[in-house]
């Protein structure tokens, strides 16, 4: 189990996932999120396989596409 409240559902080689991760880092959240590769998690794969990248905080999800402004607004709403 991770201590991070934010989880980015992703997979290796996904350029959209890399863009989402870069947005999180640029927002100063590098130490506040973990990445889950959906290939390594059967439930995540079943849920997110055609939706990634997806950022999750508890029961709240932010699905791609999102930009820095949408990320900031979502974070205000879920934290």
Protein backbone atom coordinates (compact mmCIF):
# COMPACT_ATOMS: atom_id res chain seq x y z
CA UNK A 1 0.00 0.00 0.00
CA UNK A 2 1.26 3.47 -0.80
CA UNK A 3 1.27 6.49 1.49
CA UNK A 4 0.59 8.79 -1.44
CA UNK A 5 -2.93 10.16 -1.68
CA UNK A 6 -2.69 10.66 -5.45
CA UNK A 7 -2.39 7.68 -7.76
CA UNK A 8 -1.69 7.95 -11.47
CA UNK A 9 -2.90 4.90 -13.37
CA UNK A 10 -0.61 4.46 -16.32
CA UNK A 11 1.36 1.95 -18.36
CA UNK A 12 4.83 1.77 -19.83
CA UNK A 13 5.22 3.39 -23.24
CA UNK A 14 2.05 5.49 -23.02
CA UNK A 15 2.95 8.99 -24.22
CA UNK A 16 -0.26 10.44 -22.75
CA UNK A 17 0.65 8.95 -19.38
CA UNK A 18 4.08 10.55 -19.63
CA UNK A 19 2.42 13.91 -20.34
CA UNK A 20 0.14 13.50 -17.32
CA UNK A 21 3.11 12.64 -15.10
CA UNK A 22 4.98 15.71 -16.38
CA UNK A 23 1.97 17.89 -15.48
CA UNK A 24 2.02 16.50 -11.94
CA UNK A 25 5.75 17.13 -11.58
CA UNK A 26 5.40 20.66 -13.01
CA UNK A 27 2.63 21.31 -10.46
CA UNK A 28 5.08 20.51 -7.65
CA UNK A 29 3.49 17.16 -6.84
CA UNK A 30 6.47 14.91 -7.56
CA UNK A 31 6.59 13.58 -3.98
CA UNK A 32 2.81 13.36 -3.58
CA UNK A 33 1.77 10.78 -6.13
CA UNK A 34 2.51 7.19 -7.01
CA UNK A 35 2.23 5.51 -10.37
CA UNK A 36 0.40 2.22 -10.82
CA UNK A 37 1.07 0.35 -14.04
CA UNK A 38 -2.27 -1.16 -14.95
CA UNK A 39 -0.54 -4.17 -16.50
CA UNK A 40 0.61 -5.16 -13.01
CA UNK A 41 -2.82 -4.79 -11.39
CA UNK A 42 -5.69 -6.96 -12.67
CA UNK A 43 -8.43 -4.73 -11.26
CA UNK A 44 -6.81 -1.53 -12.52
CA UNK A 45 -6.37 -3.09 -15.95
CA UNK A 46 -10.02 -4.11 -16.12
CA UNK A 47 -11.17 -0.64 -15.05
CA UNK A 48 -8.73 1.69 -16.81
CA UNK A 49 -7.32 -0.12 -19.85
CA UNK A 50 -8.86 2.26 -22.41
CA UNK A 51 -9.03 5.31 -20.12
CA UNK A 52 -5.42 5.90 -19.02
CA UNK A 53 -3.97 8.08 -17.80
CA UNK A 54 -6.28 8.52 -14.83
CA UNK A 55 -5.41 10.42 -11.67
CA UNK A 56 -7.19 9.24 -8.54
CA UNK A 57 -7.55 10.61 -5.03
CA UNK A 58 -9.79 8.38 -2.93
CA UNK A 59 -13.00 7.92 -4.91
CA UNK A 60 -12.34 10.97 -7.10
CA UNK A 61 -10.92 10.51 -10.57
CA UNK A 62 -9.55 12.92 -13.15
CA UNK A 63 -9.53 11.29 -16.56
CA UNK A 64 -7.40 12.33 -19.50
CA UNK A 65 -7.38 14.72 -21.23
CA UNK A 66 -6.58 17.36 -18.62
CA UNK A 67 -4.26 20.35 -18.54
CA UNK A 68 -2.52 22.23 -15.72
CA UNK A 69 -5.55 24.46 -15.03
CA UNK A 70 -7.95 21.49 -14.90
CA UNK A 71 -5.54 19.64 -12.63
CA UNK A 72 -5.33 22.61 -10.24
CA UNK A 73 -9.11 22.96 -10.10
CA UNK A 74 -9.59 19.24 -9.52
CA UNK A 75 -6.99 19.22 -6.74
CA UNK A 76 -8.79 22.08 -4.96
CA UNK A 77 -12.03 20.12 -5.11
CA UNK A 78 -10.68 16.80 -3.85
CA UNK A 79 -8.24 17.84 -1.14
